[in-house]
N, C-alpha and C. Protein backbone atom coordinates (compact mmCIF):
# COMPACT_ATOMS: atom_id res chain seq x y z
N UNK A 1 153.36 105.28 166.16
CA UNK A 1 153.58 105.84 167.51
C UNK A 1 153.42 107.36 167.46
N UNK A 2 152.78 107.90 168.47
CA UNK A 2 152.60 109.34 168.57
C UNK A 2 153.93 110.00 168.91
N UNK A 3 154.23 111.07 168.20
CA UNK A 3 155.47 111.78 168.47
C UNK A 3 155.33 112.69 169.67
N UNK A 4 156.47 113.21 170.16
CA UNK A 4 156.46 114.04 171.36
C UNK A 4 155.76 115.37 171.12
N UNK A 5 155.60 115.73 169.83
CA UNK A 5 154.93 117.00 169.54
C UNK A 5 153.42 116.86 169.67
N UNK A 6 152.96 115.61 169.87
CA UNK A 6 151.52 115.40 170.01
C UNK A 6 151.28 114.46 171.16
N UNK A 7 151.28 115.00 172.35
CA UNK A 7 151.27 114.15 173.54
C UNK A 7 149.91 113.49 173.76
N UNK A 8 148.85 114.13 173.31
CA UNK A 8 147.53 113.55 173.52
C UNK A 8 146.81 113.48 172.18
N UNK A 9 146.39 112.27 171.82
CA UNK A 9 145.64 112.07 170.58
C UNK A 9 144.61 111.00 170.89
N UNK A 10 143.34 111.36 170.79
CA UNK A 10 142.28 110.44 171.18
C UNK A 10 141.56 109.88 169.97
N UNK A 11 141.42 108.56 169.95
CA UNK A 11 140.64 107.88 168.93
C UNK A 11 139.38 107.35 169.61
N UNK A 12 138.22 107.83 169.17
CA UNK A 12 136.94 107.40 169.73
C UNK A 12 136.27 106.44 168.76
N UNK A 13 135.99 105.22 169.22
CA UNK A 13 135.37 104.22 168.37
C UNK A 13 134.08 103.73 169.04
N UNK A 14 132.96 104.06 168.42
CA UNK A 14 131.65 103.69 168.95
C UNK A 14 130.96 102.69 168.03
N UNK A 15 129.88 102.11 168.54
CA UNK A 15 129.08 101.21 167.73
C UNK A 15 128.33 100.22 168.57
N UNK A 16 127.38 99.51 167.96
CA UNK A 16 126.57 98.54 168.68
C UNK A 16 127.33 97.25 168.96
N UNK A 17 126.72 96.37 169.71
CA UNK A 17 127.34 95.10 170.09
C UNK A 17 127.68 94.26 168.88
N UNK A 18 128.87 93.63 168.93
CA UNK A 18 129.32 92.66 167.92
C UNK A 18 129.52 93.26 166.53
N UNK A 19 129.73 94.58 166.46
CA UNK A 19 129.99 95.20 165.16
C UNK A 19 131.46 95.06 164.77
N UNK A 20 132.31 94.76 165.77
CA UNK A 20 133.74 94.63 165.52
C UNK A 20 134.58 95.75 166.09
N UNK A 21 133.95 96.64 166.86
CA UNK A 21 134.69 97.80 167.36
C UNK A 21 135.80 97.42 168.34
N UNK A 22 135.58 96.35 169.12
CA UNK A 22 136.61 95.93 170.07
C UNK A 22 137.85 95.42 169.36
N UNK A 23 137.64 94.57 168.36
CA UNK A 23 138.75 94.03 167.58
C UNK A 23 139.49 95.15 166.86
N UNK A 24 138.73 96.06 166.25
CA UNK A 24 139.33 97.18 165.53
C UNK A 24 140.09 98.09 166.49
N UNK A 25 139.51 98.36 167.65
CA UNK A 25 140.15 99.25 168.64
C UNK A 25 141.48 98.68 169.12
N UNK A 26 141.50 97.38 169.42
CA UNK A 26 142.74 96.76 169.87
C UNK A 26 143.81 96.80 168.78
N UNK A 27 143.39 96.59 167.53
CA UNK A 27 144.35 96.60 166.43
C UNK A 27 144.90 98.01 166.19
N UNK A 28 144.01 99.01 166.24
CA UNK A 28 144.45 100.40 166.07
C UNK A 28 145.41 100.80 167.19
N UNK A 29 145.06 100.40 168.41
CA UNK A 29 145.91 100.67 169.56
C UNK A 29 147.31 100.08 169.37
N UNK A 30 147.36 98.83 168.94
CA UNK A 30 148.65 98.17 168.75
C UNK A 30 149.43 98.80 167.60
N UNK A 31 148.74 99.14 166.53
CA UNK A 31 149.41 99.70 165.35
C UNK A 31 150.10 101.02 165.66
N UNK A 32 149.43 101.87 166.42
CA UNK A 32 149.96 103.21 166.68
C UNK A 32 150.65 103.32 168.05
N UNK A 33 150.65 102.27 168.82
CA UNK A 33 151.27 102.34 170.14
C UNK A 33 150.50 103.19 171.12
N UNK A 34 149.17 103.15 171.02
CA UNK A 34 148.31 103.94 171.90
C UNK A 34 147.73 103.05 173.01
N UNK A 35 147.45 103.65 174.15
CA UNK A 35 146.78 102.92 175.22
C UNK A 35 145.34 102.63 174.78
N UNK A 36 144.76 101.55 175.29
CA UNK A 36 143.41 101.16 174.88
C UNK A 36 142.52 100.94 176.10
N UNK A 37 141.29 101.44 176.00
CA UNK A 37 140.30 101.20 177.05
C UNK A 37 139.00 100.74 176.41
N UNK A 38 138.60 99.51 176.74
CA UNK A 38 137.29 99.00 176.36
C UNK A 38 136.32 99.47 177.43
N UNK A 39 135.63 100.58 177.16
CA UNK A 39 134.78 101.18 178.21
C UNK A 39 133.61 100.28 178.56
N UNK A 40 133.26 99.37 177.65
CA UNK A 40 132.18 98.45 177.96
C UNK A 40 132.49 97.57 179.15
N UNK A 41 133.79 97.29 179.37
CA UNK A 41 134.17 96.47 180.52
C UNK A 41 133.82 97.15 181.84
N UNK A 42 133.85 98.49 181.85
CA UNK A 42 133.49 99.21 183.07
C UNK A 42 132.03 98.92 183.42
N UNK A 43 131.18 98.98 182.41
CA UNK A 43 129.75 98.74 182.62
C UNK A 43 129.47 97.26 182.89
N UNK A 44 130.24 96.39 182.26
CA UNK A 44 130.08 94.96 182.53
C UNK A 44 130.46 94.64 183.98
N UNK A 45 131.52 95.29 184.46
CA UNK A 45 131.93 95.05 185.85
C UNK A 45 130.86 95.52 186.83
N UNK A 46 130.26 96.68 186.53
CA UNK A 46 129.17 97.18 187.38
C UNK A 46 127.97 96.24 187.25
N UNK A 47 127.69 95.79 186.03
CA UNK A 47 126.58 94.87 185.81
C UNK A 47 126.75 93.58 186.59
N UNK A 48 127.98 93.06 186.63
CA UNK A 48 128.24 91.83 187.39
C UNK A 48 127.99 92.05 188.87
N UNK A 49 128.40 93.20 189.39
CA UNK A 49 128.15 93.50 190.80
C UNK A 49 126.64 93.60 191.06
N UNK A 50 125.90 94.18 190.10
CA UNK A 50 124.46 94.29 190.26
C UNK A 50 123.80 92.90 190.27
N UNK A 51 124.29 92.02 189.42
CA UNK A 51 123.76 90.66 189.38
C UNK A 51 123.98 89.94 190.71
N UNK A 52 125.03 90.33 191.39
CA UNK A 52 125.35 89.72 192.68
C UNK A 52 124.66 90.41 193.84
N UNK A 53 123.77 91.35 193.51
CA UNK A 53 122.98 92.00 194.54
C UNK A 53 123.47 93.36 194.97
N UNK A 54 124.52 93.85 194.33
CA UNK A 54 125.06 95.15 194.68
C UNK A 54 124.26 96.30 194.08
N UNK A 55 124.40 97.47 194.68
CA UNK A 55 123.75 98.67 194.15
C UNK A 55 124.59 99.19 192.98
N UNK A 56 124.01 99.35 191.79
CA UNK A 56 124.78 99.75 190.61
C UNK A 56 125.51 101.08 190.76
N UNK A 57 124.85 102.06 191.36
CA UNK A 57 125.49 103.38 191.51
C UNK A 57 126.68 103.29 192.45
N UNK A 58 126.50 102.63 193.58
CA UNK A 58 127.61 102.47 194.53
C UNK A 58 128.74 101.68 193.90
N UNK A 59 128.39 100.68 193.11
CA UNK A 59 129.41 99.86 192.44
C UNK A 59 130.22 100.70 191.46
N UNK A 60 129.55 101.57 190.71
CA UNK A 60 130.23 102.42 189.75
C UNK A 60 131.15 103.42 190.45
N UNK A 61 130.68 103.96 191.55
CA UNK A 61 131.46 104.97 192.27
C UNK A 61 132.71 104.37 192.92
N UNK A 62 132.65 103.07 193.23
CA UNK A 62 133.77 102.43 193.92
C UNK A 62 134.54 101.47 193.02
N UNK A 63 134.32 101.54 191.70
CA UNK A 63 134.95 100.60 190.78
C UNK A 63 136.47 100.66 190.88
N UNK A 64 137.10 99.50 190.97
CA UNK A 64 138.56 99.39 191.09
C UNK A 64 139.09 98.50 189.96
N UNK A 65 140.38 98.63 189.63
CA UNK A 65 140.96 97.83 188.54
C UNK A 65 140.72 96.33 188.68
N UNK A 66 140.74 95.83 189.91
CA UNK A 66 140.54 94.39 190.10
C UNK A 66 139.12 93.94 189.73
N UNK A 67 138.19 94.91 189.69
CA UNK A 67 136.82 94.57 189.31
C UNK A 67 136.70 94.22 187.83
N UNK A 68 137.73 94.56 187.04
CA UNK A 68 137.70 94.30 185.60
C UNK A 68 138.28 92.93 185.26
N UNK A 69 138.66 92.17 186.26
CA UNK A 69 139.24 90.86 186.03
C UNK A 69 138.17 89.78 185.96
N UNK A 70 138.54 88.63 185.41
CA UNK A 70 137.59 87.53 185.30
C UNK A 70 136.79 87.61 184.01
N UNK A 71 135.90 86.66 183.80
CA UNK A 71 135.11 86.60 182.58
C UNK A 71 133.92 87.55 182.66
N UNK A 72 134.03 88.65 181.92
CA UNK A 72 132.96 89.64 181.91
C UNK A 72 132.16 89.58 180.61
N UNK A 73 132.39 88.58 179.80
CA UNK A 73 131.79 88.55 178.46
C UNK A 73 130.70 87.50 178.29
N UNK A 74 130.01 87.19 179.38
CA UNK A 74 128.87 86.28 179.26
C UNK A 74 127.65 87.05 178.79
N UNK A 75 126.68 86.33 178.23
CA UNK A 75 125.44 86.97 177.76
C UNK A 75 124.69 87.63 178.92
N UNK A 76 124.69 86.97 180.07
CA UNK A 76 123.98 87.51 181.23
C UNK A 76 124.59 88.83 181.68
N UNK A 77 125.91 88.89 181.73
CA UNK A 77 126.58 90.13 182.15
C UNK A 77 126.40 91.21 181.10
N UNK A 78 126.37 90.84 179.82
CA UNK A 78 126.16 91.83 178.77
C UNK A 78 124.81 92.51 178.93
N UNK A 79 123.79 91.74 179.22
CA UNK A 79 122.45 92.31 179.44
C UNK A 79 122.42 93.19 180.68
N UNK A 80 123.09 92.74 181.74
CA UNK A 80 123.15 93.53 182.97
C UNK A 80 123.89 94.85 182.73
N UNK A 81 124.94 94.79 181.93
CA UNK A 81 125.71 96.00 181.61
C UNK A 81 124.84 97.01 180.87
N UNK A 82 124.05 96.51 179.93
CA UNK A 82 123.17 97.41 179.19
C UNK A 82 122.13 98.06 180.10
N UNK A 83 121.65 97.30 181.08
CA UNK A 83 120.65 97.84 182.01
C UNK A 83 121.27 98.92 182.92
N UNK A 84 122.43 98.64 183.49
CA UNK A 84 123.02 99.62 184.41
C UNK A 84 123.52 100.84 183.65
N UNK A 85 123.88 100.67 182.36
CA UNK A 85 124.35 101.79 181.57
C UNK A 85 123.25 102.81 181.30
N UNK A 86 122.00 102.40 181.48
CA UNK A 86 120.88 103.31 181.29
C UNK A 86 120.60 104.16 182.53
N UNK A 87 121.34 103.91 183.62
CA UNK A 87 121.17 104.67 184.86
C UNK A 87 122.09 105.88 184.83
N UNK A 88 121.54 107.10 184.80
CA UNK A 88 122.37 108.31 184.67
C UNK A 88 123.48 108.40 185.72
N UNK A 89 123.19 108.03 186.96
CA UNK A 89 124.20 108.15 188.02
C UNK A 89 125.38 107.20 187.80
N UNK A 90 125.10 106.05 187.20
CA UNK A 90 126.17 105.11 186.88
C UNK A 90 127.07 105.70 185.81
N UNK A 91 126.46 106.24 184.76
CA UNK A 91 127.25 106.81 183.67
C UNK A 91 128.11 107.97 184.18
N UNK A 92 127.53 108.83 185.01
CA UNK A 92 128.28 109.99 185.50
C UNK A 92 129.47 109.55 186.34
N UNK A 93 129.29 108.50 187.12
CA UNK A 93 130.37 108.02 187.98
C UNK A 93 131.56 107.52 187.16
N UNK A 94 131.30 107.05 185.96
CA UNK A 94 132.36 106.48 185.13
C UNK A 94 132.92 107.45 184.08
N UNK A 95 132.26 108.59 183.90
CA UNK A 95 132.67 109.54 182.87
C UNK A 95 134.07 110.09 183.11
N UNK A 96 134.35 110.55 184.32
CA UNK A 96 135.62 111.21 184.58
C UNK A 96 136.80 110.26 184.37
N UNK A 97 136.65 109.03 184.80
CA UNK A 97 137.71 108.04 184.60
C UNK A 97 138.03 107.90 183.11
N UNK A 98 136.99 107.81 182.30
CA UNK A 98 137.18 107.65 180.86
C UNK A 98 137.84 108.87 180.24
N UNK A 99 137.43 110.06 180.66
CA UNK A 99 137.99 111.29 180.08
C UNK A 99 139.47 111.46 180.44
N UNK A 100 139.82 111.12 181.66
CA UNK A 100 141.22 111.21 182.05
C UNK A 100 142.07 110.23 181.26
N UNK A 101 141.55 109.04 181.05
CA UNK A 101 142.26 108.03 180.27
C UNK A 101 142.45 108.52 178.83
N UNK A 102 141.43 109.14 178.28
CA UNK A 102 141.45 109.57 176.88
C UNK A 102 142.52 110.61 176.60
N UNK A 103 142.81 111.48 177.56
CA UNK A 103 143.78 112.56 177.33
C UNK A 103 145.14 112.27 177.93
N UNK A 104 145.43 111.03 178.19
CA UNK A 104 146.73 110.65 178.76
C UNK A 104 147.84 110.93 177.76
N UNK A 105 149.05 111.17 178.29
CA UNK A 105 150.21 111.38 177.43
C UNK A 105 150.43 110.14 176.56
N UNK A 106 150.74 110.37 175.30
CA UNK A 106 150.99 109.26 174.40
C UNK A 106 149.79 108.85 173.59
N UNK A 107 148.60 109.35 173.96
CA UNK A 107 147.41 109.06 173.18
C UNK A 107 146.67 107.82 173.64
N UNK A 108 145.41 107.70 173.21
CA UNK A 108 144.58 106.59 173.65
C UNK A 108 143.47 106.29 172.65
N UNK A 109 143.07 105.03 172.66
CA UNK A 109 141.91 104.57 171.89
C UNK A 109 140.86 104.12 172.89
N UNK A 110 139.65 104.65 172.76
CA UNK A 110 138.54 104.22 173.61
C UNK A 110 137.42 103.71 172.74
N UNK A 111 136.84 102.58 173.13
CA UNK A 111 135.67 102.11 172.38
C UNK A 111 134.51 101.92 173.32
N UNK A 112 133.31 102.23 172.79
CA UNK A 112 132.11 102.14 173.61
C UNK A 112 130.88 102.51 172.82
N UNK A 113 129.95 103.20 173.47
CA UNK A 113 128.69 103.59 172.84
C UNK A 113 128.58 105.11 172.67
N UNK A 114 129.24 105.86 173.56
CA UNK A 114 129.07 107.33 173.55
C UNK A 114 130.40 108.06 173.65
N UNK A 115 131.47 107.45 173.16
CA UNK A 115 132.79 108.08 173.29
C UNK A 115 132.88 109.36 172.45
N UNK A 116 132.49 109.27 171.19
CA UNK A 116 132.59 110.42 170.31
C UNK A 116 131.55 111.49 170.54
N UNK A 117 130.46 111.13 171.21
CA UNK A 117 129.37 112.09 171.42
C UNK A 117 129.38 112.73 172.80
N UNK A 118 129.76 111.95 173.83
CA UNK A 118 129.66 112.44 175.21
C UNK A 118 131.00 112.46 175.94
N UNK A 119 131.71 111.34 175.90
CA UNK A 119 132.95 111.24 176.67
C UNK A 119 134.05 112.11 176.08
N UNK A 120 134.26 112.00 174.77
CA UNK A 120 135.35 112.73 174.11
C UNK A 120 134.87 113.40 172.83
N UNK A 121 133.97 114.37 172.92
CA UNK A 121 133.51 115.03 171.70
C UNK A 121 134.63 115.76 170.97
N UNK A 122 135.76 115.99 171.67
CA UNK A 122 136.90 116.67 171.05
C UNK A 122 137.92 115.69 170.48
N UNK A 123 137.61 114.41 170.45
CA UNK A 123 138.54 113.40 169.94
C UNK A 123 139.03 113.75 168.54
N UNK A 124 140.31 113.52 168.30
CA UNK A 124 140.89 113.85 167.00
C UNK A 124 140.41 112.92 165.89
N UNK A 125 140.09 111.68 166.23
CA UNK A 125 139.59 110.73 165.24
C UNK A 125 138.38 110.01 165.81
N UNK A 126 137.32 109.92 165.00
CA UNK A 126 136.08 109.27 165.46
C UNK A 126 135.59 108.28 164.42
N UNK A 127 135.27 107.08 164.88
CA UNK A 127 134.67 106.07 164.02
C UNK A 127 133.39 105.56 164.66
N UNK A 128 132.43 105.23 163.83
CA UNK A 128 131.23 104.53 164.30
C UNK A 128 131.19 103.23 163.53
N UNK A 129 131.51 102.13 164.22
CA UNK A 129 131.59 100.82 163.59
C UNK A 129 130.24 100.11 163.75
N UNK A 130 129.68 99.66 162.63
CA UNK A 130 128.37 99.03 162.69
C UNK A 130 128.32 97.85 161.74
N UNK A 131 127.21 97.13 161.75
CA UNK A 131 126.94 96.00 160.86
C UNK A 131 125.47 95.68 161.02
N UNK A 132 124.93 94.92 160.10
CA UNK A 132 123.51 94.56 160.19
C UNK A 132 123.27 93.75 161.45
N UNK A 133 122.05 93.82 161.96
CA UNK A 133 121.75 93.12 163.20
C UNK A 133 121.89 91.60 163.02
N UNK A 134 121.58 91.10 161.82
CA UNK A 134 121.72 89.66 161.57
C UNK A 134 123.18 89.23 161.61
N UNK A 135 124.03 90.01 161.00
CA UNK A 135 125.47 89.69 161.01
C UNK A 135 126.03 89.77 162.42
N UNK A 136 125.63 90.79 163.15
CA UNK A 136 126.14 90.94 164.52
C UNK A 136 125.65 89.83 165.43
N UNK A 137 124.40 89.43 165.26
CA UNK A 137 123.86 88.34 166.08
C UNK A 137 124.59 87.03 165.79
N UNK A 138 124.89 86.78 164.53
CA UNK A 138 125.60 85.55 164.17
C UNK A 138 127.01 85.55 164.76
N UNK A 139 127.68 86.68 164.71
CA UNK A 139 129.01 86.79 165.31
C UNK A 139 128.95 86.51 166.81
N UNK A 140 127.99 87.11 167.47
CA UNK A 140 127.87 86.92 168.91
C UNK A 140 127.48 85.47 169.23
N UNK A 141 126.62 84.89 168.42
CA UNK A 141 126.23 83.49 168.62
C UNK A 141 127.45 82.57 168.54
N UNK A 142 128.28 82.74 167.53
CA UNK A 142 129.46 81.89 167.37
C UNK A 142 130.43 82.06 168.55
N UNK A 143 130.48 83.27 169.07
CA UNK A 143 131.34 83.54 170.23
C UNK A 143 130.80 82.84 171.48
N UNK A 144 129.49 82.91 171.68
CA UNK A 144 128.88 82.38 172.90
C UNK A 144 128.70 80.87 172.86
N UNK A 145 128.37 80.31 171.69
CA UNK A 145 128.09 78.88 171.61
C UNK A 145 129.35 78.06 171.86
N UNK A 146 130.51 78.68 171.63
CA UNK A 146 131.77 77.98 171.91
C UNK A 146 131.92 77.73 173.41
N UNK A 147 131.30 78.60 174.21
CA UNK A 147 131.36 78.45 175.66
C UNK A 147 130.17 77.67 176.20
N UNK A 148 129.02 77.82 175.53
CA UNK A 148 127.78 77.19 176.00
C UNK A 148 126.99 76.65 174.80
N UNK A 149 127.08 75.34 174.53
CA UNK A 149 126.41 74.75 173.37
C UNK A 149 124.89 74.88 173.39
N UNK A 150 124.32 75.21 174.54
CA UNK A 150 122.86 75.32 174.62
C UNK A 150 122.34 76.65 174.10
N UNK A 151 123.23 77.59 173.82
CA UNK A 151 122.81 78.90 173.32
C UNK A 151 122.19 78.75 171.93
N UNK A 152 121.09 79.45 171.69
CA UNK A 152 120.43 79.37 170.38
C UNK A 152 120.60 80.67 169.60
N UNK A 153 120.56 80.54 168.29
CA UNK A 153 120.65 81.73 167.44
C UNK A 153 119.49 82.68 167.71
N UNK A 154 118.32 82.12 167.91
CA UNK A 154 117.12 82.95 168.14
C UNK A 154 117.26 83.79 169.40
N UNK A 155 117.77 83.17 170.48
CA UNK A 155 117.90 83.90 171.74
C UNK A 155 118.96 84.99 171.63
N UNK A 156 120.05 84.70 170.91
CA UNK A 156 121.11 85.70 170.75
C UNK A 156 120.62 86.87 169.92
N UNK A 157 119.87 86.58 168.84
CA UNK A 157 119.32 87.66 168.02
C UNK A 157 118.38 88.53 168.84
N UNK A 158 117.53 87.90 169.65
CA UNK A 158 116.61 88.66 170.50
C UNK A 158 117.37 89.54 171.48
N UNK A 159 118.46 89.01 172.05
CA UNK A 159 119.27 89.78 172.99
C UNK A 159 119.91 90.98 172.31
N UNK A 160 120.44 90.78 171.11
CA UNK A 160 121.11 91.87 170.38
C UNK A 160 120.11 92.96 170.03
N UNK A 161 118.91 92.57 169.57
CA UNK A 161 117.87 93.54 169.24
C UNK A 161 117.46 94.33 170.48
N UNK A 162 117.27 93.62 171.59
CA UNK A 162 116.86 94.28 172.84
C UNK A 162 117.93 95.25 173.32
N UNK A 163 119.19 94.83 173.18
CA UNK A 163 120.28 95.68 173.64
C UNK A 163 120.41 96.92 172.75
N UNK A 164 120.28 96.74 171.45
CA UNK A 164 120.31 97.88 170.53
C UNK A 164 119.25 98.91 170.90
N UNK A 165 118.05 98.41 171.15
CA UNK A 165 116.94 99.30 171.48
C UNK A 165 117.21 100.06 172.77
N UNK A 166 117.69 99.35 173.79
CA UNK A 166 117.97 99.98 175.07
C UNK A 166 119.09 101.01 174.93
N UNK A 167 120.14 100.66 174.19
CA UNK A 167 121.28 101.57 174.05
C UNK A 167 120.92 102.82 173.25
N UNK A 168 120.07 102.65 172.25
CA UNK A 168 119.72 103.78 171.38
C UNK A 168 118.63 104.67 171.95
N UNK A 169 117.80 104.11 172.85
CA UNK A 169 116.65 104.88 173.33
C UNK A 169 116.78 105.37 174.77
N UNK A 170 117.90 105.06 175.44
CA UNK A 170 118.03 105.53 176.82
C UNK A 170 118.09 107.05 176.84
N UNK A 171 117.64 107.62 177.94
CA UNK A 171 117.56 109.08 178.07
C UNK A 171 118.94 109.72 178.15
N UNK A 172 119.87 109.05 178.83
CA UNK A 172 121.20 109.61 179.03
C UNK A 172 122.19 109.00 178.05
N UNK A 173 122.85 109.84 177.27
CA UNK A 173 123.91 109.42 176.34
C UNK A 173 123.51 108.23 175.47
N UNK A 174 122.45 108.37 174.71
CA UNK A 174 122.06 107.26 173.83
C UNK A 174 123.13 106.98 172.79
N UNK A 175 123.20 105.73 172.36
CA UNK A 175 124.17 105.36 171.34
C UNK A 175 123.82 106.04 170.02
N UNK A 176 124.79 106.74 169.44
CA UNK A 176 124.59 107.41 168.16
C UNK A 176 125.94 107.74 167.57
N UNK A 177 125.98 107.83 166.25
CA UNK A 177 127.22 108.25 165.59
C UNK A 177 127.38 109.75 165.75
N UNK A 178 128.56 110.19 166.14
CA UNK A 178 128.83 111.63 166.21
C UNK A 178 128.71 112.22 164.81
N UNK A 179 128.33 113.49 164.74
CA UNK A 179 128.15 114.14 163.44
C UNK A 179 129.41 114.11 162.59
N UNK A 180 130.58 114.13 163.25
CA UNK A 180 131.85 114.14 162.53
C UNK A 180 132.56 112.79 162.54
N UNK A 181 131.82 111.72 162.87
CA UNK A 181 132.41 110.39 162.87
C UNK A 181 132.32 109.76 161.48
N UNK A 182 133.30 108.95 161.13
CA UNK A 182 133.24 108.18 159.90
C UNK A 182 132.56 106.85 160.22
N UNK A 183 131.49 106.53 159.49
CA UNK A 183 130.76 105.29 159.71
C UNK A 183 131.43 104.16 158.92
N UNK A 184 131.75 103.09 159.64
CA UNK A 184 132.41 101.93 159.03
C UNK A 184 131.48 100.72 159.18
N UNK A 185 130.86 100.30 158.08
CA UNK A 185 129.96 99.15 158.10
C UNK A 185 130.76 97.90 157.79
N UNK A 186 130.86 97.01 158.76
CA UNK A 186 131.69 95.82 158.62
C UNK A 186 130.90 94.58 158.20
N UNK A 187 129.64 94.75 157.81
CA UNK A 187 128.78 93.60 157.49
C UNK A 187 129.42 92.67 156.46
N UNK A 188 130.03 93.26 155.44
CA UNK A 188 130.61 92.47 154.35
C UNK A 188 132.13 92.54 154.34
N UNK A 189 132.74 92.98 155.46
CA UNK A 189 134.19 93.16 155.49
C UNK A 189 134.87 92.07 156.31
N UNK A 190 136.05 91.69 155.89
CA UNK A 190 136.88 90.80 156.71
C UNK A 190 137.47 91.63 157.84
N UNK A 191 137.98 90.95 158.86
CA UNK A 191 138.61 91.65 159.97
C UNK A 191 139.78 92.49 159.46
N UNK A 192 140.60 91.91 158.60
CA UNK A 192 141.78 92.62 158.09
C UNK A 192 141.38 93.88 157.33
N UNK A 193 140.34 93.78 156.51
CA UNK A 193 139.89 94.93 155.73
C UNK A 193 139.34 96.03 156.63
N UNK A 194 138.58 95.64 157.65
CA UNK A 194 138.01 96.62 158.57
C UNK A 194 139.12 97.34 159.35
N UNK A 195 140.10 96.57 159.80
CA UNK A 195 141.23 97.16 160.54
C UNK A 195 142.01 98.11 159.64
N UNK A 196 142.25 97.70 158.40
CA UNK A 196 143.01 98.54 157.47
C UNK A 196 142.28 99.86 157.22
N UNK A 197 140.95 99.80 157.08
CA UNK A 197 140.18 101.02 156.86
C UNK A 197 140.27 101.95 158.06
N UNK A 198 140.20 101.37 159.27
CA UNK A 198 140.28 102.17 160.49
C UNK A 198 141.67 102.80 160.64
N UNK A 199 142.70 102.03 160.38
CA UNK A 199 144.07 102.54 160.48
C UNK A 199 144.27 103.70 159.49
N UNK A 200 143.74 103.55 158.28
CA UNK A 200 143.88 104.61 157.27
C UNK A 200 143.20 105.89 157.73
N UNK A 201 142.03 105.76 158.33
CA UNK A 201 141.33 106.94 158.83
C UNK A 201 142.15 107.65 159.90
N UNK A 202 142.66 106.89 160.86
CA UNK A 202 143.43 107.49 161.95
C UNK A 202 144.69 108.15 161.40
N UNK A 203 145.34 107.50 160.45
CA UNK A 203 146.54 108.09 159.84
C UNK A 203 146.23 109.43 159.20
N UNK A 204 145.09 109.53 158.54
CA UNK A 204 144.70 110.80 157.92
C UNK A 204 144.51 111.88 158.97
N UNK A 205 143.92 111.51 160.10
CA UNK A 205 143.68 112.50 161.17
C UNK A 205 144.99 112.92 161.85
N UNK A 206 145.99 112.07 161.80
CA UNK A 206 147.26 112.39 162.45
C UNK A 206 148.11 113.36 161.62
N UNK A 207 147.84 113.43 160.33
CA UNK A 207 148.65 114.28 159.47
C UNK A 207 148.40 115.76 159.74
């Protein structure tokens, strides 16, 4: 838990899809008693509105807490989220919300694609969580096939590769590890080991 002498402490956790950053972020948040924001949900919510025929920019500007409810973790919404995230006006509309959350009293953990580079370059702790594309695709496949048995490994791998390319090559806030971020490759790590490594890093930054 953050002490009263340190009212704001931001942990920025970035990385590509299915690298484990969400699981690690939630665990770090719980361990230290910090608020947590999965910033990808903001883009997924806008993506869902776009799939329903809404204008992405207007959707981002009017995003409300209730828009984050329901199942936002389908493959279709994930692809839509990646597309709307490449729109500069969408990103700008969501930036201020994320920054205010990051500096809240008591500290916060944010995970996404550009937290350490764009949203919170001043974050006290930064991680870039990654894994090989094959490992990440298999993780995502196992997650999705439980909901839809018709999903194929080949289609999931193609989706992950396409999303990586879009996230890394977009003009505005491309996905990248911050220069001062610690890179955590989870390809060969168990969940417990990855969480322990992340917790150790944050503890070092808190000292």
